[in-house]
N, C-alpha and C. Protein backbone atom coordinates (compact mmCIF):
# COMPACT_ATOMS: atom_id res chain seq x y z
N MET A 1 0.91 -1.20 0.06
CA MET A 1 0.14 -0.01 0.01
C MET A 1 0.82 1.30 0.16
N LEU A 2 1.83 1.31 0.75
CA LEU A 2 2.91 2.19 0.85
C LEU A 2 3.47 2.54 -0.60
N GLN A 3 3.87 1.39 -1.19
CA GLN A 3 4.51 1.70 -2.46
C GLN A 3 3.38 2.12 -3.32
N THR A 4 2.34 1.98 -3.45
CA THR A 4 1.36 2.39 -4.41
C THR A 4 1.21 3.86 -3.98
N LEU A 5 1.10 4.20 -2.83
CA LEU A 5 1.00 5.67 -2.53
C LEU A 5 2.28 6.63 -3.21
N TYR A 6 3.36 5.98 -2.79
CA TYR A 6 4.56 6.54 -3.52
C TYR A 6 4.60 6.64 -5.03
N THR A 7 4.10 5.50 -5.69
CA THR A 7 3.90 5.67 -7.20
C THR A 7 2.81 6.84 -7.49
N ARG A 8 2.03 6.87 -6.72
CA ARG A 8 0.76 7.87 -7.13
C ARG A 8 1.49 9.15 -6.76
N VAL A 9 2.27 9.54 -5.84
CA VAL A 9 2.82 10.77 -5.57
C VAL A 9 3.67 11.15 -6.74
N ILE A 10 4.47 10.33 -7.10
CA ILE A 10 5.55 10.21 -8.11
C ILE A 10 4.69 10.81 -9.58
N THR A 11 3.73 10.17 -9.87
CA THR A 11 3.12 10.35 -11.07
C THR A 11 2.43 11.61 -11.01
N GLU A 12 2.04 12.03 -9.85
CA GLU A 12 1.30 13.25 -9.70
C GLU A 12 2.35 14.31 -9.94
N LEU A 13 3.45 14.22 -9.34
CA LEU A 13 4.61 15.24 -9.30
C LEU A 13 5.04 15.24 -10.98
N LEU A 14 5.05 14.32 -11.63
CA LEU A 14 5.41 14.28 -13.04
C LEU A 14 4.49 14.99 -13.88
N LYS A 15 3.19 14.73 -13.75
CA LYS A 15 2.22 15.53 -14.28
C LYS A 15 2.26 16.96 -14.02
N LEU A 16 2.44 17.44 -12.75
CA LEU A 16 2.52 18.80 -12.25
C LEU A 16 3.67 19.45 -13.11
N HIS A 17 4.78 18.66 -13.27
CA HIS A 17 5.94 19.24 -13.87
C HIS A 17 5.55 19.56 -15.41
N ARG A 18 4.92 18.61 -16.02
CA ARG A 18 4.50 18.71 -17.52
C ARG A 18 3.49 19.78 -17.69
N MET A 19 2.41 19.82 -16.93
CA MET A 19 1.33 20.83 -17.39
C MET A 19 1.41 21.95 -16.48
N GLY A 20 2.14 22.29 -15.49
CA GLY A 20 2.19 23.45 -14.83
C GLY A 20 1.21 23.51 -13.54
N ILE A 21 1.58 24.17 -12.73
CA ILE A 21 0.84 24.17 -11.40
C ILE A 21 -0.61 24.77 -11.54
N LYS A 22 -0.85 25.81 -12.43
CA LYS A 22 -2.10 26.24 -12.63
C LYS A 22 -3.14 25.33 -13.15
N ASP A 23 -2.73 24.49 -14.06
CA ASP A 23 -3.44 23.55 -14.60
C ASP A 23 -3.87 22.26 -13.75
N TRP A 24 -2.81 22.20 -12.92
CA TRP A 24 -3.01 21.04 -11.86
C TRP A 24 -4.05 21.31 -10.88
N PHE A 25 -4.25 22.71 -10.43
CA PHE A 25 -5.37 23.06 -9.57
C PHE A 25 -6.60 23.06 -10.35
N LYS A 26 -6.88 23.40 -11.57
CA LYS A 26 -7.90 23.23 -12.29
C LYS A 26 -8.63 21.87 -12.80
N ARG A 27 -7.79 20.96 -12.61
CA ARG A 27 -8.16 19.64 -13.05
C ARG A 27 -9.28 19.07 -12.20
N PRO A 28 -10.30 18.33 -12.70
CA PRO A 28 -11.22 17.93 -12.06
C PRO A 28 -10.78 16.64 -11.01
N GLU A 29 -11.57 16.54 -10.05
CA GLU A 29 -11.37 15.40 -9.01
C GLU A 29 -11.55 14.22 -9.68
N PRO A 30 -10.59 13.10 -9.50
CA PRO A 30 -10.67 11.95 -10.12
C PRO A 30 -12.11 11.13 -9.40
N THR A 31 -12.66 10.32 -10.37
CA THR A 31 -13.70 9.65 -9.77
C THR A 31 -13.25 8.47 -9.01
N PRO A 32 -13.91 8.30 -7.84
CA PRO A 32 -13.51 7.17 -7.06
C PRO A 32 -13.89 5.90 -7.61
N VAL A 33 -12.90 4.95 -7.64
CA VAL A 33 -13.09 3.47 -7.97
C VAL A 33 -14.02 2.86 -7.00
N PRO A 34 -15.25 2.20 -7.58
CA PRO A 34 -16.17 1.64 -6.45
C PRO A 34 -15.21 0.33 -5.83
N THR A 35 -15.66 -0.02 -4.65
CA THR A 35 -15.01 -1.27 -4.16
C THR A 35 -15.67 -2.45 -4.56
N PHE A 36 -15.31 -3.49 -4.09
CA PHE A 36 -15.88 -4.88 -4.71
C PHE A 36 -17.29 -4.93 -4.07
N ALA A 37 -17.44 -4.57 -2.70
CA ALA A 37 -18.87 -4.67 -2.23
C ALA A 37 -19.85 -3.78 -2.81
N GLU A 38 -19.38 -2.61 -3.19
CA GLU A 38 -20.22 -1.74 -3.86
C GLU A 38 -20.73 -2.15 -5.26
N THR A 39 -19.80 -2.72 -6.02
CA THR A 39 -19.95 -3.43 -7.40
C THR A 39 -21.05 -4.37 -7.15
N GLU A 40 -20.59 -5.35 -6.03
CA GLU A 40 -21.40 -6.50 -5.95
C GLU A 40 -22.79 -6.12 -5.69
N ALA A 41 -23.14 -5.03 -4.81
CA ALA A 41 -24.51 -4.64 -4.43
C ALA A 41 -25.06 -4.13 -5.74
N ILE A 42 -24.40 -3.35 -6.47
CA ILE A 42 -25.05 -2.77 -7.83
C ILE A 42 -25.55 -3.93 -8.69
N THR A 43 -24.61 -4.85 -8.87
CA THR A 43 -24.79 -6.00 -9.58
C THR A 43 -26.04 -6.72 -9.31
N ALA A 44 -26.16 -7.22 -7.87
CA ALA A 44 -27.17 -7.79 -7.25
C ALA A 44 -28.46 -7.11 -7.58
N LYS A 45 -28.35 -5.70 -7.22
CA LYS A 45 -29.82 -4.97 -7.54
C LYS A 45 -30.05 -5.17 -9.10
N GLU A 46 -29.23 -4.94 -9.91
CA GLU A 46 -29.47 -5.12 -11.41
C GLU A 46 -30.07 -6.37 -11.76
N LEU A 47 -29.50 -7.51 -11.28
CA LEU A 47 -29.97 -9.02 -11.39
C LEU A 47 -31.48 -9.16 -10.79
N ALA A 48 -31.73 -8.68 -9.59
CA ALA A 48 -32.91 -8.71 -9.04
C ALA A 48 -33.97 -8.06 -10.05
N GLU A 49 -33.63 -6.87 -10.53
CA GLU A 49 -34.64 -6.06 -11.24
C GLU A 49 -34.95 -6.83 -12.65
N ASP A 50 -33.88 -7.50 -13.46
CA ASP A 50 -33.91 -8.09 -14.51
C ASP A 50 -34.77 -9.34 -14.17
N TYR A 51 -34.46 -10.18 -13.01
CA TYR A 51 -35.28 -11.30 -12.68
C TYR A 51 -36.77 -10.98 -12.59
N SER A 52 -37.01 -9.89 -11.82
CA SER A 52 -38.46 -9.70 -11.56
C SER A 52 -39.11 -9.11 -12.95
N GLU A 53 -38.61 -8.49 -13.81
CA GLU A 53 -39.08 -8.12 -15.07
C GLU A 53 -39.29 -9.42 -15.99
N SER A 54 -38.32 -10.25 -15.98
CA SER A 54 -38.50 -11.55 -16.61
C SER A 54 -39.61 -12.42 -15.99
N PHE A 55 -39.64 -12.54 -14.92
CA PHE A 55 -40.69 -13.24 -14.12
C PHE A 55 -42.01 -12.86 -14.55
N GLU A 56 -42.21 -11.37 -14.32
CA GLU A 56 -43.54 -10.86 -14.59
C GLU A 56 -43.94 -11.01 -16.13
N LYS A 57 -42.96 -10.99 -17.06
CA LYS A 57 -43.24 -11.11 -18.47
C LYS A 57 -43.62 -12.63 -18.58
N ASP A 58 -42.97 -13.52 -17.92
CA ASP A 58 -43.48 -14.90 -18.20
C ASP A 58 -44.82 -15.33 -17.44
N VAL A 59 -45.12 -14.80 -16.43
CA VAL A 59 -46.35 -14.88 -15.64
C VAL A 59 -47.37 -14.30 -16.60
N SER A 60 -47.32 -13.02 -17.19
CA SER A 60 -48.34 -12.45 -17.93
C SER A 60 -48.53 -13.27 -19.36
N THR A 61 -47.39 -13.91 -19.85
CA THR A 61 -47.58 -14.65 -20.93
C THR A 61 -48.26 -15.99 -20.61
N ALA A 62 -48.04 -16.56 -19.58
CA ALA A 62 -48.75 -17.85 -19.07
C ALA A 62 -50.25 -17.43 -18.83
N ILE A 63 -50.61 -16.36 -18.33
CA ILE A 63 -51.95 -16.17 -18.07
C ILE A 63 -52.69 -15.87 -19.41
N ASP A 64 -51.88 -15.17 -20.43
CA ASP A 64 -52.69 -14.78 -21.63
C ASP A 64 -52.78 -16.17 -22.33
N LEU A 65 -52.06 -17.09 -22.25
CA LEU A 65 -52.16 -18.46 -22.87
C LEU A 65 -53.50 -19.19 -22.14
N LEU A 66 -53.41 -19.10 -20.92
CA LEU A 66 -54.54 -19.67 -20.20
C LEU A 66 -56.07 -19.10 -20.32
N GLU A 67 -55.94 -17.79 -20.74
CA GLU A 67 -57.25 -17.08 -20.91
C GLU A 67 -57.74 -17.19 -22.43
N GLU A 68 -56.79 -17.75 -23.36
CA GLU A 68 -57.29 -17.90 -24.76
C GLU A 68 -58.29 -19.00 -24.78
N GLU A 69 -59.12 -18.74 -25.84
CA GLU A 69 -60.05 -19.89 -26.08
C GLU A 69 -59.32 -21.20 -26.51
N ASP A 70 -59.79 -22.28 -26.05
CA ASP A 70 -59.17 -23.60 -26.57
C ASP A 70 -59.60 -24.01 -27.80
N GLU A 71 -58.53 -24.25 -28.67
CA GLU A 71 -58.75 -24.89 -29.90
C GLU A 71 -59.43 -26.15 -29.87
N LYS A 72 -60.46 -26.31 -30.56
CA LYS A 72 -61.07 -27.75 -30.58
C LYS A 72 -60.39 -28.55 -31.76
N LEU A 73 -59.65 -29.40 -31.44
CA LEU A 73 -58.90 -30.23 -32.41
C LEU A 73 -59.77 -31.44 -32.97
N VAL A 74 -59.72 -31.56 -34.21
CA VAL A 74 -60.45 -32.71 -34.75
C VAL A 74 -59.54 -33.76 -35.00
N GLU A 75 -60.09 -34.90 -34.28
CA GLU A 75 -59.28 -36.08 -34.25
C GLU A 75 -59.28 -36.79 -35.76
N PRO A 76 -58.13 -37.16 -36.40
CA PRO A 76 -58.26 -37.74 -37.75
C PRO A 76 -58.77 -39.24 -37.47
N LYS A 77 -59.48 -39.61 -38.53
CA LYS A 77 -60.01 -41.18 -38.46
C LYS A 77 -58.79 -41.86 -38.76
N ILE A 78 -58.37 -42.70 -38.09
CA ILE A 78 -57.30 -43.57 -38.34
C ILE A 78 -57.77 -45.07 -38.87
N GLU A 79 -57.35 -45.33 -39.95
CA GLU A 79 -57.90 -46.62 -40.61
C GLU A 79 -56.79 -47.56 -40.21
N SER A 80 -57.26 -48.63 -39.70
CA SER A 80 -56.28 -49.67 -39.22
C SER A 80 -55.93 -50.80 -40.47
N PRO A 81 -54.69 -50.78 -40.71
CA PRO A 81 -54.26 -51.69 -41.79
C PRO A 81 -54.46 -53.06 -41.45
N ALA A 82 -54.79 -53.49 -40.23
CA ALA A 82 -54.93 -54.90 -40.02
C ALA A 82 -56.62 -55.27 -40.04
N GLU A 83 -57.36 -54.65 -40.66
CA GLU A 83 -58.73 -54.98 -40.63
C GLU A 83 -59.03 -56.31 -41.15
N GLU A 84 -58.26 -56.70 -42.25
CA GLU A 84 -58.48 -58.11 -42.83
C GLU A 84 -58.26 -59.20 -41.85
N TYR A 85 -57.30 -58.84 -40.93
CA TYR A 85 -56.75 -59.79 -40.11
C TYR A 85 -57.72 -60.03 -38.78
N ASP A 86 -58.49 -58.87 -38.48
CA ASP A 86 -59.08 -58.78 -37.16
C ASP A 86 -60.58 -59.20 -37.58
N VAL A 87 -61.18 -60.24 -36.60
CA VAL A 87 -62.54 -60.60 -36.82
C VAL A 87 -63.42 -60.03 -35.89
N GLY A 88 -62.82 -59.25 -34.98
CA GLY A 88 -63.72 -58.34 -34.13
C GLY A 88 -63.86 -59.26 -32.75
N ASP A 89 -65.02 -58.98 -32.15
CA ASP A 89 -65.22 -59.79 -30.82
C ASP A 89 -65.62 -61.34 -31.11
N ILE A 90 -65.10 -62.13 -30.53
CA ILE A 90 -65.30 -63.50 -30.57
C ILE A 90 -65.47 -64.21 -29.17
N ASP A 91 -66.10 -65.30 -29.12
CA ASP A 91 -66.22 -65.98 -27.69
C ASP A 91 -64.92 -66.95 -27.71
N ALA A 92 -64.60 -67.36 -26.48
CA ALA A 92 -63.59 -68.28 -26.15
C ALA A 92 -63.69 -69.68 -26.72
N ASP A 93 -64.92 -70.08 -27.05
CA ASP A 93 -65.26 -71.39 -27.66
C ASP A 93 -64.80 -71.41 -28.96
N VAL A 94 -64.92 -70.21 -29.68
CA VAL A 94 -64.45 -70.12 -30.97
C VAL A 94 -62.92 -70.35 -31.31
N LEU A 95 -62.18 -70.14 -30.21
CA LEU A 95 -60.73 -70.16 -30.17
C LEU A 95 -60.29 -71.39 -29.90
N LEU A 96 -61.15 -72.29 -29.41
CA LEU A 96 -60.72 -73.73 -28.98
C LEU A 96 -61.22 -74.53 -30.23
N ASP A 97 -61.92 -73.97 -31.26
CA ASP A 97 -62.27 -74.79 -32.34
C ASP A 97 -61.06 -75.36 -33.30
N ASP A 98 -61.01 -76.51 -33.60
CA ASP A 98 -59.85 -77.05 -34.36
C ASP A 98 -59.95 -76.65 -36.10
N ASP A 99 -61.12 -75.98 -36.36
CA ASP A 99 -61.41 -75.61 -37.78
C ASP A 99 -60.99 -74.14 -37.74
N MET A 100 -59.65 -73.64 -37.73
CA MET A 100 -59.26 -72.24 -37.69
C MET A 100 -58.86 -72.00 -39.01
N SER A 101 -59.14 -70.48 -39.37
CA SER A 101 -58.50 -70.26 -40.76
C SER A 101 -57.08 -69.68 -40.62
N SER A 102 -56.33 -69.74 -41.68
CA SER A 102 -55.04 -69.17 -41.64
C SER A 102 -54.90 -67.86 -42.55
N ASN A 103 -54.14 -67.01 -41.86
CA ASN A 103 -54.01 -65.63 -42.37
C ASN A 103 -52.56 -65.30 -43.02
N PHE A 104 -51.96 -66.59 -43.29
CA PHE A 104 -50.63 -66.46 -43.97
C PHE A 104 -50.65 -66.13 -45.32
N GLU A 105 -51.67 -66.22 -46.13
CA GLU A 105 -51.74 -65.93 -47.38
C GLU A 105 -52.71 -64.69 -47.90
N ILE A 106 -52.90 -63.95 -46.88
CA ILE A 106 -53.47 -62.73 -47.17
C ILE A 106 -52.36 -61.51 -47.34
N ASN A 107 -52.95 -60.83 -48.45
CA ASN A 107 -51.83 -59.89 -49.04
C ASN A 107 -50.64 -60.23 -49.41
N VAL A 108 -50.46 -61.35 -50.13
CA VAL A 108 -49.11 -62.03 -50.52
C VAL A 108 -49.23 -61.66 -52.24
N ILE A 109 -48.11 -60.97 -52.50
CA ILE A 109 -47.97 -60.66 -53.98
C ILE A 109 -46.99 -61.35 -54.54
N GLU A 110 -47.10 -62.00 -55.49
CA GLU A 110 -46.07 -62.80 -56.30
C GLU A 110 -45.52 -61.96 -57.45
N HIS A 111 -44.25 -61.87 -57.54
CA HIS A 111 -43.83 -61.17 -58.82
C HIS A 111 -42.93 -62.25 -59.58
N THR A 112 -43.25 -62.35 -60.79
CA THR A 112 -42.35 -63.38 -61.61
C THR A 112 -41.17 -62.66 -62.08
N ASP A 113 -41.26 -61.42 -62.36
CA ASP A 113 -40.11 -60.59 -63.21
C ASP A 113 -39.87 -59.27 -62.26
N ILE A 114 -38.80 -59.34 -61.65
CA ILE A 114 -38.49 -58.11 -60.76
C ILE A 114 -37.87 -56.94 -61.55
N THR A 115 -37.78 -56.96 -62.74
CA THR A 115 -37.15 -55.81 -63.60
C THR A 115 -38.30 -54.80 -63.84
N ASP A 116 -39.58 -55.39 -63.68
CA ASP A 116 -40.90 -54.40 -64.02
C ASP A 116 -41.05 -53.51 -62.72
N LEU A 117 -40.55 -53.76 -61.68
CA LEU A 117 -40.76 -53.25 -60.39
C LEU A 117 -40.31 -51.66 -60.48
N GLU A 118 -40.73 -50.86 -59.57
CA GLU A 118 -40.04 -49.56 -59.62
C GLU A 118 -39.17 -49.51 -58.22
N SER A 119 -38.30 -48.72 -58.16
CA SER A 119 -37.39 -48.52 -57.19
C SER A 119 -37.98 -47.86 -56.17
N PRO A 120 -38.28 -48.43 -54.86
CA PRO A 120 -38.96 -47.67 -53.76
C PRO A 120 -38.38 -46.24 -53.39
N LEU A 121 -37.01 -46.16 -53.75
CA LEU A 121 -36.20 -44.81 -53.46
C LEU A 121 -36.27 -43.84 -54.46
N GLU A 122 -37.07 -44.19 -55.67
CA GLU A 122 -36.88 -43.39 -56.91
C GLU A 122 -37.36 -41.91 -56.64
N ASN A 123 -38.39 -41.82 -55.90
CA ASN A 123 -39.16 -40.49 -55.61
C ASN A 123 -38.87 -40.09 -54.18
N ALA A 124 -38.05 -40.51 -53.49
CA ALA A 124 -37.78 -40.34 -52.04
C ALA A 124 -37.27 -38.87 -51.91
N GLU A 125 -37.61 -38.12 -50.78
CA GLU A 125 -37.01 -36.87 -50.58
C GLU A 125 -36.02 -36.93 -49.39
N ILE A 126 -34.94 -36.17 -49.49
CA ILE A 126 -33.91 -36.23 -48.47
C ILE A 126 -34.43 -35.37 -47.30
N VAL A 127 -34.49 -36.01 -46.07
CA VAL A 127 -35.01 -35.31 -44.94
C VAL A 127 -33.95 -35.56 -43.92
N GLY A 128 -33.53 -34.52 -43.26
CA GLY A 128 -32.47 -34.54 -42.18
C GLY A 128 -31.29 -33.61 -42.55
N ASP A 129 -30.23 -34.13 -41.91
CA ASP A 129 -28.95 -33.23 -42.05
C ASP A 129 -28.10 -33.55 -43.03
N ILE A 130 -28.63 -34.46 -44.14
CA ILE A 130 -27.75 -34.73 -45.21
C ILE A 130 -27.64 -33.47 -46.24
N SER A 131 -26.65 -32.99 -46.63
CA SER A 131 -26.60 -31.65 -47.11
C SER A 131 -26.75 -32.13 -48.93
N GLN A 132 -26.39 -33.22 -49.30
CA GLN A 132 -26.43 -33.36 -50.75
C GLN A 132 -27.16 -34.82 -51.04
N GLU A 133 -27.55 -34.89 -52.12
CA GLU A 133 -28.25 -36.07 -52.70
C GLU A 133 -27.29 -37.23 -52.60
N VAL A 134 -27.89 -38.42 -52.35
CA VAL A 134 -27.35 -39.74 -52.16
C VAL A 134 -27.68 -40.40 -53.39
N ASP A 135 -26.52 -41.15 -53.92
CA ASP A 135 -26.86 -41.98 -55.17
C ASP A 135 -26.88 -43.48 -54.61
N MET A 136 -27.90 -44.26 -55.06
CA MET A 136 -28.00 -45.52 -54.50
C MET A 136 -27.49 -46.29 -55.80
C-alpha cells in the first residue's frame, strides 16, 4: 500500500511538472473507484430487477395463454391396416375350435419378373441433415 502511495505521488509530480501548477489546480477530481462490495451490491440489484421483469413477463404470457379460447382439435380417423386380419369380438369357444382359418396367404403378392418393379427410393425426398443427394 505504501508503495502504491509513493507511485501515485511520483506520477502526480511528473504530471505537475509537465502541465504546470495552474493546470494542476484546475483539473477535475478523479472519480472514485467503487469497491468490490459496492460493485457486488449494484450487480445484485440489477440482477434482481432483471429477474423480476423476466418473471412478470413469463407470468403474463402464461396468463394470456390460459385465458385464450381452447382450440377444438379434430381427431383424424385412423384406418387400421389390420382390418383384414381382425375378426372383431369372438367367444372363447371359437378359439378352441380345431377348424381355424390361416392368415398366412393374405396380402401376398407374387412377382415373376422383378425388372418391372419401380425402385422404392426413386421419388424419395432427402430429410434430415444430409446436405447433398445420395446416389444408390
